[in-house]
């Protein structure tokens, strides 16, 4: 198929005249490509191709996990010391403002309840 020709949507099944396999075949094949394979089977095939048998053990999975963590942490844009200090100061001030507001509100409500009950 040339690059100019448009491909059919994945969900569209191939129509054939007099095809009785259409219903059983619809969920397992993509239009004109390889049979659909679940991700679990793809992973097993990948492991078999790499020469490993079965699922990787706990230590191999742990090593893979930490490798991926290292790669992702390299993508992080870390704030500068000045940005960190600035945002920390803003958060601390905001906490004090909210604490003062809630303290005054609580004090006012407690006085109101005392007046109503006495």
C-alpha atoms as a PDB file:
ATOM      1  CA  UNK A   1       0.000   0.000   0.000  1.00  0.00           C
ATOM      2  CA  UNK A   2       1.437   3.359  -0.875  1.00  0.00           C
ATOM      3  CA  UNK A   3       1.758   6.157   1.647  1.00  0.00           C
ATOM      4  CA  UNK A   4      -0.812   8.258  -0.157  1.00  0.00           C
ATOM      5  CA  UNK A   5      -3.623   5.751   0.229  1.00  0.00           C
ATOM      6  CA  UNK A   6      -5.641   6.135   3.411  1.00  0.00           C
ATOM      7  CA  UNK A   7      -5.841   3.250   5.849  1.00  0.00           C
ATOM      8  CA  UNK A   8      -9.196   2.039   7.123  1.00  0.00           C
ATOM      9  CA  UNK A   9     -10.084   2.747  10.761  1.00  0.00           C
ATOM     10  CA  UNK A  10      -8.970   0.039  13.176  1.00  0.00           C
ATOM     11  CA  UNK A  11     -12.489  -0.941  14.249  1.00  0.00           C
ATOM     12  CA  UNK A  12     -13.736  -1.395  10.678  1.00  0.00           C
ATOM     13  CA  UNK A  13     -13.841  -5.031   9.649  1.00  0.00           C
ATOM     14  CA  UNK A  14     -13.091  -6.242   6.162  1.00  0.00           C
ATOM     15  CA  UNK A  15     -16.237  -7.094   4.205  1.00  0.00           C
ATOM     16  CA  UNK A  16     -16.263 -10.208   2.050  1.00  0.00           C
ATOM     17  CA  UNK A  17     -19.027 -11.627  -0.130  1.00  0.00           C
ATOM     18  CA  UNK A  18     -20.392 -14.833   1.389  1.00  0.00           C
ATOM     19  CA  UNK A  19     -18.094 -14.652   4.429  1.00  0.00           C
ATOM     20  CA  UNK A  20     -19.383 -16.712   7.331  1.00  0.00           C
ATOM     21  CA  UNK A  21     -16.278 -16.055   9.458  1.00  0.00           C
ATOM     22  CA  UNK A  22     -17.046 -12.366   9.811  1.00  0.00           C
ATOM     23  CA  UNK A  23     -18.563 -12.548  13.284  1.00  0.00           C
ATOM     24  CA  UNK A  24     -15.922 -14.805  14.817  1.00  0.00           C
ATOM     25  CA  UNK A  25     -13.132 -12.990  12.998  1.00  0.00           C
ATOM     26  CA  UNK A  26     -14.171  -9.394  13.735  1.00  0.00           C
ATOM     27  CA  UNK A  27     -12.627  -9.059  17.202  1.00  0.00           C
ATOM     28  CA  UNK A  28      -9.384 -10.829  16.416  1.00  0.00           C
ATOM     29  CA  UNK A  29      -8.173  -9.077  13.270  1.00  0.00           C
ATOM     30  CA  UNK A  30      -7.439  -5.511  12.414  1.00  0.00           C
ATOM     31  CA  UNK A  31      -8.172  -4.370   8.900  1.00  0.00           C
ATOM     32  CA  UNK A  32      -5.548  -6.082   6.797  1.00  0.00           C
ATOM     33  CA  UNK A  33      -2.880  -6.384   9.517  1.00  0.00           C
ATOM     34  CA  UNK A  34      -1.633  -8.977  11.994  1.00  0.00           C
ATOM     35  CA  UNK A  35      -4.085 -10.541  14.446  1.00  0.00           C
ATOM     36  CA  UNK A  36      -4.730  -8.409  17.541  1.00  0.00           C
ATOM     37  CA  UNK A  37      -2.586  -9.514  20.479  1.00  0.00           C
ATOM     38  CA  UNK A  38      -3.178  -8.530  24.080  1.00  0.00           C
ATOM     39  CA  UNK A  39      -0.508  -6.517  25.910  1.00  0.00           C
ATOM     40  CA  UNK A  40       0.251  -9.459  28.192  1.00  0.00           C
ATOM     41  CA  UNK A  41       1.060 -11.663  25.222  1.00  0.00           C
ATOM     42  CA  UNK A  42       3.169  -8.929  23.636  1.00  0.00           C
ATOM     43  CA  UNK A  43       5.161  -8.631  26.869  1.00  0.00           C
ATOM     44  CA  UNK A  44       5.676 -12.407  27.005  1.00  0.00           C
ATOM     45  CA  UNK A  45       6.779 -12.424  23.369  1.00  0.00           C
ATOM     46  CA  UNK A  46       9.235  -9.614  24.104  1.00  0.00           C
ATOM     47  CA  UNK A  47      10.675 -11.550  27.040  1.00  0.00           C
ATOM     48  CA  UNK A  48      11.008 -14.701  24.941  1.00  0.00           C
ATOM     49  CA  UNK A  49      12.685 -12.745  22.135  1.00  0.00           C
ATOM     50  CA  UNK A  50      15.159 -11.300  24.634  1.00  0.00           C
ATOM     51  CA  UNK A  51      16.122 -14.829  25.652  1.00  0.00           C
ATOM     52  CA  UNK A  52      14.412 -14.849  29.044  1.00  0.00           C
ATOM     53  CA  UNK A  53      11.916 -17.479  30.062  1.00  0.00           C
ATOM     54  CA  UNK A  54       8.786 -16.497  32.012  1.00  0.00           C
ATOM     55  CA  UNK A  55       8.251 -13.347  34.038  1.00  0.00           C
ATOM     56  CA  UNK A  56      11.264 -11.451  35.389  1.00  0.00           C
ATOM     57  CA  UNK A  57      11.954 -12.067  39.064  1.00  0.00           C
ATOM     58  CA  UNK A  58      11.565  -9.536  41.882  1.00  0.00           C
ATOM     59  CA  UNK A  59      15.123  -8.248  41.674  1.00  0.00           C
ATOM     60  CA  UNK A  60      15.005  -7.737  37.908  1.00  0.00           C
ATOM     61  CA  UNK A  61      11.720  -5.833  38.190  1.00  0.00           C
ATOM     62  CA  UNK A  62      13.182  -3.710  41.014  1.00  0.00           C
ATOM     63  CA  UNK A  63      16.250  -2.862  38.941  1.00  0.00           C
ATOM     64  CA  UNK A  64      14.042  -1.970  35.957  1.00  0.00           C
ATOM     65  CA  UNK A  65      11.868   0.205  38.193  1.00  0.00           C
ATOM     66  CA  UNK A  66      14.832   2.173  39.549  1.00  0.00           C
ATOM     67  CA  UNK A  67      16.253   2.616  36.036  1.00  0.00           C
ATOM     68  CA  UNK A  68      12.935   4.109  34.931  1.00  0.00           C
ATOM     69  CA  UNK A  69      12.864   6.332  38.035  1.00  0.00           C
ATOM     70  CA  UNK A  70      16.342   7.617  37.195  1.00  0.00           C
ATOM     71  CA  UNK A  71      15.295   8.395  33.612  1.00  0.00           C
ATOM     72  CA  UNK A  72      12.159  10.219  34.756  1.00  0.00           C
ATOM     73  CA  UNK A  73      14.042  12.247  37.400  1.00  0.00           C
ATOM     74  CA  UNK A  74      16.408  13.485  34.698  1.00  0.00           C
ATOM     75  CA  UNK A  75      13.371  14.985  32.919  1.00  0.00           C
ATOM     76  CA  UNK A  76      12.309  17.005  35.979  1.00  0.00           C
ATOM     77  CA  UNK A  77      12.892  20.755  35.942  1.00  0.00           C
ATOM     78  CA  UNK A  78      14.046  21.459  39.491  1.00  0.00           C
ATOM     79  CA  UNK A  79      13.370  24.899  41.017  1.00  0.00           C
ATOM     80  CA  UNK A  80      16.244  27.118  42.041  1.00  0.00           C
ATOM     81  CA  UNK A  81      17.046  27.825  45.698  1.00  0.00           C
ATOM     82  CA  UNK A  82      15.557  31.329  45.311  1.00  0.00           C
ATOM     83  CA  UNK A  83      12.257  29.948  43.889  1.00  0.00           C
ATOM     84  CA  UNK A  84      12.037  27.325  46.637  1.00  0.00           C
ATOM     85  CA  UNK A  85      12.670  29.899  49.382  1.00  0.00           C
ATOM     86  CA  UNK A  86      10.104  32.300  47.891  1.00  0.00           C
ATOM     87  CA  UNK A  87       7.335  29.745  47.611  1.00  0.00           C
ATOM     88  CA  UNK A  88       8.096  28.405  51.109  1.00  0.00           C
ATOM     89  CA  UNK A  89       7.721  31.900  52.581  1.00  0.00           C
ATOM     90  CA  UNK A  90       4.429  32.401  50.744  1.00  0.00           C
ATOM     91  CA  UNK A  91       3.082  29.077  52.052  1.00  0.00           C
ATOM     92  CA  UNK A  92       4.105  29.851  55.656  1.00  0.00           C
ATOM     93  CA  UNK A  93       2.457  33.307  55.512  1.00  0.00           C
ATOM     94  CA  UNK A  94      -0.708  31.792  54.016  1.00  0.00           C
ATOM     95  CA  UNK A  95      -0.828  29.169  56.786  1.00  0.00           C
ATOM     96  CA  UNK A  96      -0.601  31.886  59.468  1.00  0.00           C
ATOM     97  CA  UNK A  97      -3.350  33.943  57.794  1.00  0.00           C
ATOM     98  CA  UNK A  98      -5.697  30.946  57.572  1.00  0.00           C
ATOM     99  CA  UNK A  99      -4.885  29.921  61.163  1.00  0.00           C
ATOM    100  CA  UNK A 100      -5.667  33.456  62.411  1.00  0.00           C
ATOM    101  CA  UNK A 101      -8.946  33.512  60.459  1.00  0.00           C
ATOM    102  CA  UNK A 102     -10.045  30.108  61.774  1.00  0.00           C
ATOM    103  CA  UNK A 103      -8.962  31.019  65.316  1.00  0.00           C
ATOM    104  CA  UNK A 104     -11.017  34.236  65.275  1.00  0.00           C
ATOM    105  CA  UNK A 105     -13.987  32.430  63.725  1.00  0.00           C
ATOM    106  CA  UNK A 106     -13.790  29.682  66.375  1.00  0.00           C
ATOM    107  CA  UNK A 107     -13.476  32.250  69.180  1.00  0.00           C
ATOM    108  CA  UNK A 108     -16.511  34.149  67.857  1.00  0.00           C
ATOM    109  CA  UNK A 109     -18.633  31.007  67.583  1.00  0.00           C
ATOM    110  CA  UNK A 110     -17.664  29.842  71.065  1.00  0.00           C
ATOM    111  CA  UNK A 111     -18.695  33.239  72.543  1.00  0.00           C
ATOM    112  CA  UNK A 112     -21.966  33.080  70.592  1.00  0.00           C
ATOM    113  CA  UNK A 113     -22.714  29.590  71.980  1.00  0.00           C
ATOM    114  CA  UNK A 114     -21.917  30.798  75.544  1.00  0.00           C
ATOM    115  CA  UNK A 115     -24.330  33.718  75.160  1.00  0.00           C
ATOM    116  CA  UNK A 116     -27.098  31.467  73.793  1.00  0.00           C
ATOM    117  CA  UNK A 117     -26.702  28.797  76.486  1.00  0.00           C
ATOM    118  CA  UNK A 118     -26.397  31.135  79.502  1.00  0.00           C
END
